[in-house]
Amino acid sequence: MHIERIDLLTKTLNLFTHVCFPEVCPVCGRLATPGCISCFAEQIAPLMPRCSLCGALYPCSRHPYSFPVYSGNVHQYFPRKLVLELKYKNNPQIGMVMGRALALSLIQIDCDYLVPVPLHKGSKRKYNQAFLIARGLGQVWDKDVKDILKWNYRVVNQSGKKNTNEKRSLEKGSIRAKGNCGGSSVVLVDDVITTGSTLSRCKESLAESSITVKAAVTWTAAIHM
């Protein structure tokens, strides 16, 4: 009977805690916060800038017209877990924390705006994880976020493609730019870079609107990039 009372008390306390403090840091478990900046910063080990087209060190001798991609870590272990938490566990609050942690860990890139990679129309998510990361990044770097990129409806969702070769085949015109930011320079923002195909299509679309991509920032980078 004594043990049953303890179990009931524990369950009641856990329920009370969850109701009063529904947010917890996914790294350390601290209550009443979507994530501790210090915890998220510990997950960052900035990679050397990579070529947006082939993943080689930047500047790239094979692709002199590419742009550098700055990533916070390799897409594995806990940094990868945070991406999955953000994208698939309905936890949008951590996106801005990830962005702020990135901004504090990377050298600031001079630009006019931050532009997130768009959320595909076929996605079931109610939020764009890249936009949230960009918002956090912009708060620290004091940069506005311009959500000016959209997918064309006919394009298949990248996350649904089975392998790297399929992802590399993303056709031209897959992404279009809207709005009036001509003559400005921007930094693209995404959660993870896999092949660089999406970032390249973003650059092409922005170039048609006379917008220059200075670089890209991602939370992680796939190891085969």
N, C-alpha and C. Protein backbone atom coordinates (compact mmCIF):
# COMPACT_ATOMS: atom_id res chain seq x y z
N MET A 1 0.83 -1.20 0.00
CA MET A 1 0.00 0.00 0.00
C MET A 1 0.87 1.26 0.00
N HIS A 2 1.96 1.21 0.81
CA HIS A 2 2.86 2.36 0.88
C HIS A 2 3.48 2.65 -0.48
N ILE A 3 3.89 1.60 -1.20
CA ILE A 3 4.50 1.75 -2.53
C ILE A 3 3.49 2.32 -3.52
N GLU A 4 2.23 1.87 -3.42
CA GLU A 4 1.19 2.36 -4.32
C GLU A 4 0.96 3.86 -4.11
N ARG A 5 1.01 4.29 -2.87
CA ARG A 5 0.84 5.72 -2.58
C ARG A 5 1.98 6.54 -3.15
N ILE A 6 3.19 6.01 -3.04
CA ILE A 6 4.36 6.70 -3.60
C ILE A 6 4.24 6.81 -5.11
N ASP A 7 3.80 5.73 -5.76
CA ASP A 7 3.63 5.75 -7.23
C ASP A 7 2.57 6.78 -7.63
N LEU A 8 1.46 6.81 -6.87
CA LEU A 8 0.40 7.76 -7.17
C LEU A 8 0.89 9.19 -6.98
N LEU A 9 1.65 9.43 -5.93
CA LEU A 9 2.20 10.76 -5.66
C LEU A 9 3.17 11.17 -6.78
N THR A 10 3.98 10.22 -7.23
CA THR A 10 4.94 10.50 -8.30
C THR A 10 4.23 10.86 -9.59
N LYS A 11 3.20 10.09 -9.93
CA LYS A 11 2.43 10.36 -11.15
C LYS A 11 1.74 11.72 -11.07
N THR A 12 1.20 12.03 -9.90
CA THR A 12 0.52 13.31 -9.72
C THR A 12 1.51 14.46 -9.86
N LEU A 13 2.69 14.30 -9.27
CA LEU A 13 3.73 15.33 -9.35
C LEU A 13 4.20 15.52 -10.78
N ASN A 14 4.36 14.43 -11.50
CA ASN A 14 4.79 14.51 -12.90
C ASN A 14 3.75 15.22 -13.76
N LEU A 15 2.47 14.93 -13.51
CA LEU A 15 1.39 15.57 -14.25
C LEU A 15 1.35 17.07 -13.94
N PHE A 16 1.49 17.41 -12.67
CA PHE A 16 1.50 18.82 -12.26
C PHE A 16 2.67 19.56 -12.91
N THR A 17 3.81 18.93 -12.93
CA THR A 17 5.01 19.54 -13.53
C THR A 17 4.82 19.76 -15.01
N HIS A 18 4.22 18.76 -15.69
CA HIS A 18 4.01 18.86 -17.14
C HIS A 18 3.04 19.99 -17.47
N VAL A 19 1.98 20.14 -16.64
CA VAL A 19 0.99 21.19 -16.88
C VAL A 19 1.58 22.57 -16.63
N CYS A 20 2.34 22.69 -15.56
CA CYS A 20 2.91 24.00 -15.19
C CYS A 20 4.12 24.37 -16.04
N PHE A 21 4.89 23.36 -16.43
CA PHE A 21 6.11 23.60 -17.20
C PHE A 21 6.12 22.69 -18.43
N PRO A 22 5.28 22.98 -19.43
CA PRO A 22 5.16 22.08 -20.58
C PRO A 22 6.41 22.02 -21.45
N GLU A 23 7.27 23.04 -21.35
CA GLU A 23 8.49 23.05 -22.15
C GLU A 23 9.68 22.57 -21.32
N VAL A 24 10.51 21.77 -21.95
CA VAL A 24 11.76 21.31 -21.31
C VAL A 24 12.87 21.34 -22.33
N CYS A 25 14.07 21.63 -21.88
CA CYS A 25 15.22 21.61 -22.77
C CYS A 25 15.46 20.17 -23.21
N PRO A 26 15.51 19.89 -24.52
CA PRO A 26 15.70 18.51 -24.98
C PRO A 26 17.10 17.97 -24.71
N VAL A 27 18.01 18.84 -24.28
CA VAL A 27 19.38 18.39 -24.00
C VAL A 27 19.55 18.04 -22.53
N CYS A 28 19.22 18.98 -21.64
CA CYS A 28 19.47 18.76 -20.20
C CYS A 28 18.21 18.50 -19.40
N GLY A 29 17.03 18.74 -19.99
CA GLY A 29 15.78 18.50 -19.29
C GLY A 29 15.33 19.64 -18.40
N ARG A 30 15.95 20.78 -18.48
CA ARG A 30 15.56 21.92 -17.66
C ARG A 30 14.12 22.32 -17.97
N LEU A 31 13.35 22.62 -16.94
CA LEU A 31 11.94 22.95 -17.11
C LEU A 31 11.74 24.39 -17.55
N ALA A 32 10.58 24.63 -18.17
CA ALA A 32 10.11 25.97 -18.53
C ALA A 32 11.00 26.68 -19.55
N THR A 33 11.65 25.92 -20.40
CA THR A 33 12.43 26.51 -21.49
C THR A 33 12.43 25.55 -22.68
N PRO A 34 12.29 26.07 -23.91
CA PRO A 34 12.35 25.18 -25.07
C PRO A 34 13.74 24.64 -25.33
N GLY A 35 14.74 25.29 -24.73
CA GLY A 35 16.12 24.86 -24.92
C GLY A 35 17.08 25.88 -24.34
N CYS A 36 18.12 25.40 -23.70
CA CYS A 36 19.14 26.28 -23.13
C CYS A 36 20.15 26.65 -24.22
N ILE A 37 20.43 27.94 -24.33
CA ILE A 37 21.42 28.37 -25.32
C ILE A 37 22.75 27.65 -25.08
N SER A 38 23.15 27.54 -23.82
CA SER A 38 24.43 26.89 -23.50
C SER A 38 24.42 25.42 -23.92
N CYS A 39 23.29 24.74 -23.70
CA CYS A 39 23.19 23.33 -24.09
C CYS A 39 23.28 23.16 -25.61
N PHE A 40 22.56 24.03 -26.33
CA PHE A 40 22.56 23.94 -27.78
C PHE A 40 23.93 24.31 -28.34
N ALA A 41 24.57 25.31 -27.73
CA ALA A 41 25.90 25.72 -28.20
C ALA A 41 26.92 24.60 -28.03
N GLU A 42 26.72 23.76 -27.01
CA GLU A 42 27.63 22.64 -26.80
C GLU A 42 27.52 21.59 -27.91
N GLN A 43 26.41 21.61 -28.65
CA GLN A 43 26.22 20.67 -29.75
C GLN A 43 26.86 21.15 -31.05
N ILE A 44 27.43 22.35 -31.01
CA ILE A 44 28.00 22.93 -32.22
C ILE A 44 29.52 22.80 -32.21
N ALA A 45 30.04 22.27 -33.30
CA ALA A 45 31.48 22.20 -33.56
C ALA A 45 31.65 22.62 -35.01
N PRO A 46 31.71 23.93 -35.28
CA PRO A 46 31.63 24.44 -36.65
C PRO A 46 32.57 23.74 -37.63
N LEU A 47 32.00 23.35 -38.77
CA LEU A 47 32.80 22.73 -39.83
C LEU A 47 33.47 23.81 -40.67
N MET A 48 34.52 23.44 -41.35
CA MET A 48 35.14 24.36 -42.30
C MET A 48 34.14 24.66 -43.42
N PRO A 49 34.14 25.88 -43.96
CA PRO A 49 33.19 26.20 -45.04
C PRO A 49 33.36 25.26 -46.23
N ARG A 50 32.22 24.82 -46.78
CA ARG A 50 32.22 23.85 -47.86
C ARG A 50 31.61 24.44 -49.13
N CYS A 51 32.02 23.90 -50.27
CA CYS A 51 31.46 24.30 -51.55
C CYS A 51 30.00 23.88 -51.61
N SER A 52 29.15 24.79 -52.05
CA SER A 52 27.71 24.51 -52.11
C SER A 52 27.36 23.47 -53.17
N LEU A 53 28.25 23.19 -54.09
CA LEU A 53 27.96 22.27 -55.19
C LEU A 53 28.50 20.86 -54.99
N CYS A 54 29.66 20.74 -54.35
CA CYS A 54 30.25 19.40 -54.24
C CYS A 54 30.67 19.03 -52.82
N GLY A 55 30.66 19.98 -51.90
CA GLY A 55 31.03 19.68 -50.53
C GLY A 55 32.51 19.74 -50.24
N ALA A 56 33.33 20.07 -51.24
CA ALA A 56 34.76 20.22 -50.99
C ALA A 56 35.01 21.49 -50.19
N LEU A 57 36.21 21.60 -49.66
CA LEU A 57 36.53 22.81 -48.91
C LEU A 57 36.42 24.03 -49.81
N TYR A 58 35.91 25.10 -49.25
CA TYR A 58 35.74 26.36 -49.99
C TYR A 58 36.93 27.28 -49.71
N PRO A 59 37.45 28.00 -50.75
CA PRO A 59 36.99 28.03 -52.15
C PRO A 59 37.34 26.74 -52.90
N CYS A 60 36.46 26.40 -53.83
CA CYS A 60 36.56 25.14 -54.56
C CYS A 60 37.14 25.39 -55.95
N SER A 61 38.20 24.68 -56.30
CA SER A 61 38.84 24.87 -57.60
C SER A 61 37.96 24.36 -58.74
N ARG A 62 37.10 23.39 -58.46
CA ARG A 62 36.22 22.83 -59.50
C ARG A 62 35.00 23.71 -59.75
N HIS A 63 34.59 24.44 -58.73
CA HIS A 63 33.38 25.26 -58.84
C HIS A 63 33.66 26.68 -58.34
N PRO A 64 34.36 27.47 -59.15
CA PRO A 64 34.75 28.82 -58.71
C PRO A 64 33.57 29.76 -58.48
N TYR A 65 32.38 29.42 -59.00
CA TYR A 65 31.22 30.31 -58.84
C TYR A 65 30.25 29.80 -57.77
N SER A 66 30.69 28.85 -56.98
CA SER A 66 29.84 28.37 -55.90
C SER A 66 29.93 29.34 -54.72
N PHE A 67 29.17 29.08 -53.67
CA PHE A 67 29.25 29.90 -52.47
C PHE A 67 29.54 29.00 -51.27
N PRO A 68 30.06 29.56 -50.18
CA PRO A 68 30.41 28.72 -49.02
C PRO A 68 29.19 28.37 -48.18
N VAL A 69 29.23 27.18 -47.62
CA VAL A 69 28.18 26.73 -46.70
C VAL A 69 28.82 26.52 -45.33
N TYR A 70 28.29 27.21 -44.34
CA TYR A 70 28.79 27.11 -42.97
C TYR A 70 27.81 26.27 -42.15
N SER A 71 28.30 25.17 -41.60
CA SER A 71 27.43 24.26 -40.84
C SER A 71 27.93 24.12 -39.41
N GLY A 72 26.96 23.96 -38.50
CA GLY A 72 27.31 23.88 -37.09
C GLY A 72 27.91 22.57 -36.65
N ASN A 73 27.62 21.49 -37.37
CA ASN A 73 28.17 20.19 -37.00
C ASN A 73 27.81 19.18 -38.08
N VAL A 74 28.34 17.97 -37.95
CA VAL A 74 27.99 16.86 -38.83
C VAL A 74 26.60 16.37 -38.44
N HIS A 75 25.83 15.90 -39.41
CA HIS A 75 24.45 15.47 -39.17
C HIS A 75 24.42 14.06 -38.57
N GLN A 76 24.78 13.97 -37.31
CA GLN A 76 24.75 12.70 -36.60
C GLN A 76 24.67 12.95 -35.10
N TYR A 77 24.40 11.90 -34.36
CA TYR A 77 24.33 11.95 -32.90
C TYR A 77 23.32 13.01 -32.43
N PHE A 78 23.64 13.76 -31.39
CA PHE A 78 22.64 14.66 -30.81
C PHE A 78 22.30 15.85 -31.71
N PRO A 79 23.24 16.42 -32.46
CA PRO A 79 22.84 17.48 -33.39
C PRO A 79 21.76 17.01 -34.38
N ARG A 80 21.88 15.79 -34.86
CA ARG A 80 20.85 15.22 -35.74
C ARG A 80 19.54 15.02 -34.98
N LYS A 81 19.63 14.58 -33.73
CA LYS A 81 18.43 14.36 -32.92
C LYS A 81 17.65 15.66 -32.75
N LEU A 82 18.35 16.78 -32.62
CA LEU A 82 17.67 18.06 -32.47
C LEU A 82 16.93 18.45 -33.75
N VAL A 83 17.51 18.13 -34.91
CA VAL A 83 16.82 18.38 -36.18
C VAL A 83 15.54 17.56 -36.25
N LEU A 84 15.61 16.30 -35.87
CA LEU A 84 14.43 15.43 -35.88
C LEU A 84 13.38 15.92 -34.88
N GLU A 85 13.84 16.40 -33.74
CA GLU A 85 12.93 16.95 -32.73
C GLU A 85 12.19 18.15 -33.30
N LEU A 86 12.91 18.99 -34.01
CA LEU A 86 12.34 20.21 -34.58
C LEU A 86 11.35 19.88 -35.71
N LYS A 87 11.71 18.95 -36.57
CA LYS A 87 10.93 18.70 -37.78
C LYS A 87 9.76 17.74 -37.58
N TYR A 88 9.94 16.73 -36.75
CA TYR A 88 8.96 15.65 -36.73
C TYR A 88 8.25 15.44 -35.39
N LYS A 89 8.63 16.19 -34.37
CA LYS A 89 8.00 16.01 -33.05
C LYS A 89 7.24 17.24 -32.61
N ASN A 90 6.87 18.07 -33.60
CA ASN A 90 6.04 19.24 -33.33
C ASN A 90 6.60 20.09 -32.20
N ASN A 91 7.88 20.42 -32.33
CA ASN A 91 8.55 21.22 -31.31
C ASN A 91 9.20 22.43 -31.98
N PRO A 92 8.39 23.35 -32.52
CA PRO A 92 8.97 24.48 -33.26
C PRO A 92 9.76 25.44 -32.39
N GLN A 93 9.50 25.44 -31.07
CA GLN A 93 10.16 26.41 -30.20
C GLN A 93 11.68 26.30 -30.22
N ILE A 94 12.18 25.08 -30.47
CA ILE A 94 13.63 24.93 -30.40
C ILE A 94 14.33 25.49 -31.64
N GLY A 95 13.57 25.77 -32.71
CA GLY A 95 14.19 26.27 -33.94
C GLY A 95 14.93 27.58 -33.74
N MET A 96 14.30 28.52 -33.03
CA MET A 96 14.94 29.81 -32.81
C MET A 96 16.14 29.67 -31.87
N VAL A 97 16.06 28.74 -30.92
CA VAL A 97 17.20 28.51 -30.03
C VAL A 97 18.38 27.96 -30.83
N MET A 98 18.09 27.06 -31.76
CA MET A 98 19.14 26.54 -32.62
C MET A 98 19.79 27.66 -33.42
N GLY A 99 18.96 28.57 -33.94
CA GLY A 99 19.48 29.69 -34.71
C GLY A 99 20.36 30.61 -33.89
N ARG A 100 19.92 30.92 -32.67
CA ARG A 100 20.71 31.79 -31.80
C ARG A 100 22.04 31.13 -31.44
N ALA A 101 22.00 29.84 -31.16
CA ALA A 101 23.24 29.12 -30.83
C ALA A 101 24.21 29.13 -32.02
N LEU A 102 23.68 28.95 -33.23
CA LEU A 102 24.52 29.02 -34.43
C LEU A 102 25.16 30.39 -34.56
N ALA A 103 24.35 31.44 -34.37
CA ALA A 103 24.84 32.80 -34.54
C ALA A 103 25.97 33.11 -33.57
N LEU A 104 25.89 32.56 -32.37
CA LEU A 104 26.93 32.81 -31.36
C LEU A 104 28.19 31.99 -31.62
N SER A 105 28.07 30.96 -32.45
CA SER A 105 29.19 30.05 -32.68
C SER A 105 29.91 30.29 -34.01
N LEU A 106 29.26 30.99 -34.94
CA LEU A 106 29.83 31.23 -36.26
C LEU A 106 30.25 32.69 -36.40
N ILE A 107 31.19 32.94 -37.26
CA ILE A 107 31.57 34.31 -37.60
C ILE A 107 30.44 34.93 -38.42
N GLN A 108 30.01 36.12 -38.04
CA GLN A 108 28.89 36.75 -38.73
C GLN A 108 29.24 37.05 -40.18
N ILE A 109 28.29 36.74 -41.06
CA ILE A 109 28.48 36.94 -42.50
C ILE A 109 27.77 38.23 -42.90
N ASP A 110 28.48 39.11 -43.56
CA ASP A 110 27.89 40.39 -43.97
C ASP A 110 26.88 40.17 -45.09
N CYS A 111 25.66 40.66 -44.88
CA CYS A 111 24.61 40.53 -45.88
C CYS A 111 23.50 41.51 -45.54
N ASP A 112 22.55 41.64 -46.44
CA ASP A 112 21.39 42.50 -46.19
C ASP A 112 20.28 41.75 -45.47
N TYR A 113 20.06 40.49 -45.88
CA TYR A 113 18.95 39.72 -45.31
C TYR A 113 19.34 38.25 -45.14
N LEU A 114 18.56 37.57 -44.30
CA LEU A 114 18.63 36.12 -44.20
C LEU A 114 17.40 35.56 -44.91
N VAL A 115 17.60 34.54 -45.74
CA VAL A 115 16.50 33.95 -46.51
C VAL A 115 16.42 32.46 -46.22
N PRO A 116 15.34 32.00 -45.61
CA PRO A 116 15.21 30.56 -45.33
C PRO A 116 14.83 29.77 -46.58
N VAL A 117 15.32 28.54 -46.66
CA VAL A 117 14.87 27.62 -47.69
C VAL A 117 13.39 27.34 -47.44
N PRO A 118 12.57 27.32 -48.47
CA PRO A 118 11.11 27.21 -48.25
C PRO A 118 10.66 25.81 -47.82
N LEU A 119 9.54 25.79 -47.12
CA LEU A 119 8.90 24.54 -46.75
C LEU A 119 8.09 24.04 -47.94
N HIS A 120 8.27 22.79 -48.29
CA HIS A 120 7.59 22.22 -49.45
C HIS A 120 6.08 22.21 -49.24
N LYS A 121 5.33 22.46 -50.31
CA LYS A 121 3.86 22.50 -50.22
C LYS A 121 3.28 21.18 -49.76
N GLY A 122 3.98 20.10 -50.03
CA GLY A 122 3.46 18.80 -49.64
C GLY A 122 3.72 18.44 -48.19
N SER A 123 4.46 19.28 -47.48
CA SER A 123 4.79 18.97 -46.10
C SER A 123 3.56 19.09 -45.20
N LYS A 124 3.48 18.22 -44.20
CA LYS A 124 2.37 18.26 -43.26
C LYS A 124 2.68 19.16 -42.06
N ARG A 125 3.90 19.69 -42.00
CA ARG A 125 4.24 20.57 -40.89
C ARG A 125 3.54 21.91 -41.04
N LYS A 126 3.19 22.51 -39.91
CA LYS A 126 2.53 23.81 -39.91
C LYS A 126 3.53 24.96 -39.83
N TYR A 127 4.80 24.62 -39.81
CA TYR A 127 5.83 25.65 -39.71
C TYR A 127 7.05 25.23 -40.52
N ASN A 128 7.83 26.23 -40.91
CA ASN A 128 9.06 25.99 -41.67
C ASN A 128 10.24 26.05 -40.71
N GLN A 129 10.89 24.92 -40.51
CA GLN A 129 12.00 24.86 -39.56
C GLN A 129 13.15 25.78 -39.96
N ALA A 130 13.38 25.95 -41.27
CA ALA A 130 14.46 26.83 -41.72
C ALA A 130 14.16 28.29 -41.37
N PHE A 131 12.88 28.66 -41.46
CA PHE A 131 12.48 30.03 -41.11
C PHE A 131 12.73 30.29 -39.63
N LEU A 132 12.41 29.32 -38.77
CA LEU A 132 12.62 29.49 -37.34
C LEU A 132 14.10 29.62 -37.00
N ILE A 133 14.93 28.81 -37.63
CA ILE A 133 16.38 28.91 -37.40
C ILE A 133 16.88 30.27 -37.87
N ALA A 134 16.38 30.73 -39.02
CA ALA A 134 16.77 32.04 -39.54
C ALA A 134 16.36 33.16 -38.58
N ARG A 135 15.19 33.03 -37.99
CA ARG A 135 14.72 34.04 -37.04
C ARG A 135 15.68 34.15 -35.85
N GLY A 136 16.07 33.00 -35.31
CA GLY A 136 17.02 33.01 -34.20
C GLY A 136 18.37 33.58 -34.60
N LEU A 137 18.82 33.20 -35.78
CA LEU A 137 20.09 33.71 -36.30
C LEU A 137 20.02 35.24 -36.45
N GLY A 138 18.91 35.72 -36.98
CA GLY A 138 18.73 37.15 -37.21
C GLY A 138 18.66 37.95 -35.93
N GLN A 139 18.12 37.36 -34.87
CA GLN A 139 18.05 38.06 -33.60
C GLN A 139 19.43 38.42 -33.07
N VAL A 140 20.35 37.50 -33.21
CA VAL A 140 21.71 37.73 -32.71
C VAL A 140 22.52 38.58 -33.68
N TRP A 141 22.37 38.32 -34.97
CA TRP A 141 23.14 39.07 -35.97
C TRP A 141 22.49 40.40 -36.35
N ASP A 142 21.30 40.66 -35.81
CA ASP A 142 20.56 41.88 -36.11
C ASP A 142 20.28 42.00 -37.62
N LYS A 143 19.74 40.92 -38.17
CA LYS A 143 19.40 40.88 -39.59
C LYS A 143 17.93 40.51 -39.76
N ASP A 144 17.27 41.16 -40.71
CA ASP A 144 15.89 40.81 -41.03
C ASP A 144 15.83 39.51 -41.81
N VAL A 145 14.74 38.78 -41.63
CA VAL A 145 14.51 37.53 -42.36
C VAL A 145 13.48 37.80 -43.45
N LYS A 146 13.81 37.45 -44.68
CA LYS A 146 12.91 37.62 -45.81
C LYS A 146 12.49 36.24 -46.33
N ASP A 147 11.22 35.91 -46.15
CA ASP A 147 10.70 34.62 -46.58
C ASP A 147 10.18 34.76 -48.02
N ILE A 148 11.11 34.79 -48.96
CA ILE A 148 10.75 35.14 -50.33
C ILE A 148 10.88 33.99 -51.32
N LEU A 149 11.16 32.79 -50.85
CA LEU A 149 11.32 31.64 -51.74
C LEU A 149 10.15 30.68 -51.58
N LYS A 150 9.67 30.14 -52.71
CA LYS A 150 8.57 29.18 -52.71
C LYS A 150 8.89 28.04 -53.68
N TRP A 151 8.40 26.83 -53.33
CA TRP A 151 8.53 25.70 -54.23
C TRP A 151 7.45 25.78 -55.31
N ASN A 152 7.78 25.34 -56.50
CA ASN A 152 6.76 25.15 -57.53
C ASN A 152 5.99 23.87 -57.21
N TYR A 153 4.71 23.87 -57.46
CA TYR A 153 3.83 22.79 -57.01
C TYR A 153 4.17 21.43 -57.59
N ARG A 154 4.81 21.40 -58.75
CA ARG A 154 5.02 20.12 -59.43
C ARG A 154 6.22 19.35 -58.90
N VAL A 155 7.00 19.95 -58.03
CA VAL A 155 8.25 19.32 -57.60
C VAL A 155 8.01 18.36 -56.44
N VAL A 156 8.68 17.21 -56.49
CA VAL A 156 8.54 16.21 -55.44
C VAL A 156 9.31 16.65 -54.21
N ASN A 157 8.76 16.39 -53.03
CA ASN A 157 9.40 16.72 -51.77
C ASN A 157 10.77 16.05 -51.68
N GLN A 158 11.81 16.83 -51.37
CA GLN A 158 13.15 16.28 -51.27
C GLN A 158 13.28 15.20 -50.20
N SER A 159 12.63 15.40 -49.05
CA SER A 159 12.76 14.43 -47.97
C SER A 159 12.16 13.08 -48.34
N GLY A 160 11.30 13.05 -49.37
CA GLY A 160 10.68 11.80 -49.79
C GLY A 160 11.52 11.03 -50.81
N LYS A 161 12.59 11.62 -51.28
CA LYS A 161 13.43 10.94 -52.25
C LYS A 161 14.34 9.94 -51.55
N LYS A 162 14.62 8.84 -52.22
CA LYS A 162 15.23 7.71 -51.57
C LYS A 162 16.73 7.80 -51.43
N ASN A 163 17.41 8.40 -52.38
CA ASN A 163 18.86 8.38 -52.31
C ASN A 163 19.46 9.70 -52.76
N THR A 164 20.77 9.79 -52.59
CA THR A 164 21.48 11.02 -52.89
C THR A 164 21.38 11.40 -54.35
N ASN A 165 21.47 10.42 -55.28
CA ASN A 165 21.40 10.73 -56.70
C ASN A 165 20.06 11.35 -57.07
N GLU A 166 18.97 10.86 -56.47
CA GLU A 166 17.65 11.43 -56.74
C GLU A 166 17.57 12.87 -56.24
N LYS A 167 18.17 13.11 -55.07
CA LYS A 167 18.13 14.47 -54.53
C LYS A 167 18.96 15.44 -55.38
N ARG A 168 20.03 14.93 -55.96
CA ARG A 168 20.86 15.78 -56.80
C ARG A 168 20.16 16.15 -58.10
N SER A 169 19.10 15.42 -58.46
CA SER A 169 18.44 15.63 -59.75
C SER A 169 17.34 16.69 -59.68
N LEU A 170 17.26 17.43 -58.62
CA LEU A 170 16.24 18.47 -58.48
C LEU A 170 16.33 19.42 -59.68
N GLU A 171 15.23 19.51 -60.43
CA GLU A 171 15.25 20.23 -61.70
C GLU A 171 15.31 21.75 -61.53
N LYS A 172 15.80 22.40 -62.56
CA LYS A 172 15.83 23.86 -62.56
C LYS A 172 14.41 24.40 -62.56
N GLY A 173 14.23 25.54 -61.94
CA GLY A 173 12.91 26.13 -61.84
C GLY A 173 12.07 25.55 -60.72
N SER A 174 12.67 24.69 -59.90
CA SER A 174 11.93 24.06 -58.81
C SER A 174 11.52 25.07 -57.74
N ILE A 175 12.29 26.13 -57.63
CA ILE A 175 12.04 27.14 -56.60
C ILE A 175 11.94 28.50 -57.28
N ARG A 176 11.03 29.32 -56.82
CA ARG A 176 10.86 30.66 -57.38
C ARG A 176 10.94 31.70 -56.27
N ALA A 177 11.38 32.88 -56.65
CA ALA A 177 11.48 33.99 -55.70
C ALA A 177 10.31 34.94 -55.89
N LYS A 178 9.85 35.52 -54.81
CA LYS A 178 8.78 36.50 -54.87
C LYS A 178 9.24 37.73 -54.08
N GLY A 179 8.51 38.83 -54.22
CA GLY A 179 8.85 40.03 -53.49
C GLY A 179 9.85 40.89 -54.24
N ASN A 180 10.22 41.99 -53.65
CA ASN A 180 11.11 42.95 -54.28
C ASN A 180 12.32 43.22 -53.40
N CYS A 181 13.37 42.44 -53.61
CA CYS A 181 14.61 42.62 -52.86
C CYS A 181 15.79 42.74 -53.82
N GLY A 182 15.52 43.10 -55.06
CA GLY A 182 16.57 43.18 -56.08
C GLY A 182 17.71 44.08 -55.67
N GLY A 183 18.93 43.62 -55.98
CA GLY A 183 20.12 44.38 -55.66
C GLY A 183 20.68 44.11 -54.28
N SER A 184 20.02 43.26 -53.51
CA SER A 184 20.48 42.97 -52.15
C SER A 184 21.34 41.71 -52.12
N SER A 185 22.00 41.51 -51.01
CA SER A 185 22.79 40.30 -50.79
C SER A 185 22.19 39.54 -49.62
N VAL A 186 22.18 38.21 -49.71
CA VAL A 186 21.51 37.41 -48.69
C VAL A 186 22.35 36.21 -48.28
N VAL A 187 22.00 35.66 -47.12
CA VAL A 187 22.54 34.38 -46.66
C VAL A 187 21.38 33.41 -46.56
N LEU A 188 21.49 32.27 -47.23
CA LEU A 188 20.46 31.23 -47.16
C LEU A 188 20.58 30.47 -45.84
N VAL A 189 19.46 30.01 -45.33
CA VAL A 189 19.45 29.29 -44.05
C VAL A 189 18.61 28.02 -44.19
N ASP A 190 19.14 26.91 -43.69
CA ASP A 190 18.40 25.65 -43.70
C ASP A 190 18.80 24.83 -42.48
N ASP A 191 18.06 23.76 -42.21
CA ASP A 191 18.40 22.94 -41.06
C ASP A 191 19.60 22.02 -41.35
N VAL A 192 19.61 21.40 -42.54
CA VAL A 192 20.70 20.49 -42.88
C VAL A 192 20.96 20.56 -44.38
N ILE A 193 22.22 20.45 -44.76
CA ILE A 193 22.56 20.34 -46.18
C ILE A 193 22.92 18.89 -46.46
N THR A 194 22.28 18.33 -47.49
CA THR A 194 22.53 16.94 -47.86
C THR A 194 23.38 16.85 -49.12
N THR A 195 22.87 17.39 -50.23
CA THR A 195 23.62 17.37 -51.49
C THR A 195 23.96 18.77 -51.98
N GLY A 196 23.28 19.77 -51.49
CA GLY A 196 23.49 21.14 -51.98
C GLY A 196 22.57 21.50 -53.12
N SER A 197 21.77 20.54 -53.62
CA SER A 197 20.91 20.77 -54.76
C SER A 197 19.85 21.85 -54.47
N THR A 198 19.23 21.77 -53.30
CA THR A 198 18.19 22.75 -52.97
C THR A 198 18.78 24.15 -52.85
N LEU A 199 19.93 24.26 -52.21
CA LEU A 199 20.58 25.57 -52.07
C LEU A 199 20.95 26.14 -53.43
N SER A 200 21.39 25.29 -54.34
CA SER A 200 21.76 25.75 -55.69
C SER A 200 20.54 26.28 -56.43
N ARG A 201 19.40 25.58 -56.31
CA ARG A 201 18.18 26.06 -56.96
C ARG A 201 17.70 27.36 -56.34
N CYS A 202 17.89 27.52 -55.05
CA CYS A 202 17.56 28.78 -54.39
C CYS A 202 18.40 29.92 -54.95
N LYS A 203 19.68 29.66 -55.12
CA LYS A 203 20.58 30.68 -55.65
C LYS A 203 20.17 31.09 -57.06
N GLU A 204 19.84 30.10 -57.91
CA GLU A 204 19.44 30.40 -59.28
C GLU A 204 18.17 31.25 -59.32
N SER A 205 17.22 30.92 -58.48
CA SER A 205 15.98 31.68 -58.43
C SER A 205 16.22 33.11 -57.97
N LEU A 206 17.05 33.28 -56.96
CA LEU A 206 17.34 34.61 -56.45
C LEU A 206 18.12 35.43 -57.46
N ALA A 207 19.02 34.78 -58.20
CA ALA A 207 19.81 35.49 -59.21
C ALA A 207 18.91 36.09 -60.28
N GLU A 208 17.81 35.40 -60.59
CA GLU A 208 16.86 35.92 -61.59
C GLU A 208 16.20 37.22 -61.11
N SER A 209 16.22 37.43 -59.79
CA SER A 209 15.66 38.66 -59.21
C SER A 209 16.77 39.62 -58.80
N SER A 210 17.97 39.40 -59.34
CA SER A 210 19.14 40.25 -59.06
C SER A 210 19.50 40.28 -57.58
N ILE A 211 19.36 39.13 -56.92
CA ILE A 211 19.73 38.99 -55.52
C ILE A 211 20.94 38.06 -55.43
N THR A 212 21.96 38.50 -54.72
CA THR A 212 23.21 37.75 -54.62
C THR A 212 23.25 36.91 -53.35
N VAL A 213 23.57 35.65 -53.49
CA VAL A 213 23.74 34.76 -52.34
C VAL A 213 25.21 34.82 -51.90
N LYS A 214 25.45 35.32 -50.69
CA LYS A 214 26.81 35.43 -50.18
C LYS A 214 27.29 34.10 -49.61
N ALA A 215 26.38 33.36 -48.96
CA ALA A 215 26.74 32.11 -48.29
C ALA A 215 25.46 31.42 -47.84
N ALA A 216 25.63 30.27 -47.23
CA ALA A 216 24.50 29.57 -46.60
C ALA A 216 24.93 29.11 -45.22
N VAL A 217 23.97 29.05 -44.32
CA VAL A 217 24.22 28.57 -42.96
C VAL A 217 23.24 27.44 -42.68
N THR A 218 23.75 26.31 -42.20
CA THR A 218 22.89 25.19 -41.82
C THR A 218 23.27 24.69 -40.44
N TRP A 219 22.30 24.13 -39.75
CA TRP A 219 22.58 23.57 -38.43
C TRP A 219 23.58 22.42 -38.54
N THR A 220 23.34 21.51 -39.50
CA THR A 220 24.24 20.38 -39.70
C THR A 220 24.50 20.15 -41.19
N ALA A 221 25.46 19.27 -41.46
CA ALA A 221 25.78 18.86 -42.83
C ALA A 221 25.91 17.35 -42.87
N ALA A 222 25.28 16.72 -43.87
CA ALA A 222 25.37 15.27 -44.04
C ALA A 222 26.82 14.89 -44.32
N ILE A 223 27.27 13.79 -43.78
CA ILE A 223 28.68 13.43 -43.86
C ILE A 223 29.09 13.07 -45.28
N HIS A 224 28.13 12.67 -46.17
CA HIS A 224 28.50 12.34 -47.53
C HIS A 224 28.47 13.57 -48.44
N MET A 225 28.14 14.75 -47.87
CA MET A 225 28.10 15.97 -48.68
C MET A 225 29.50 16.29 -49.17
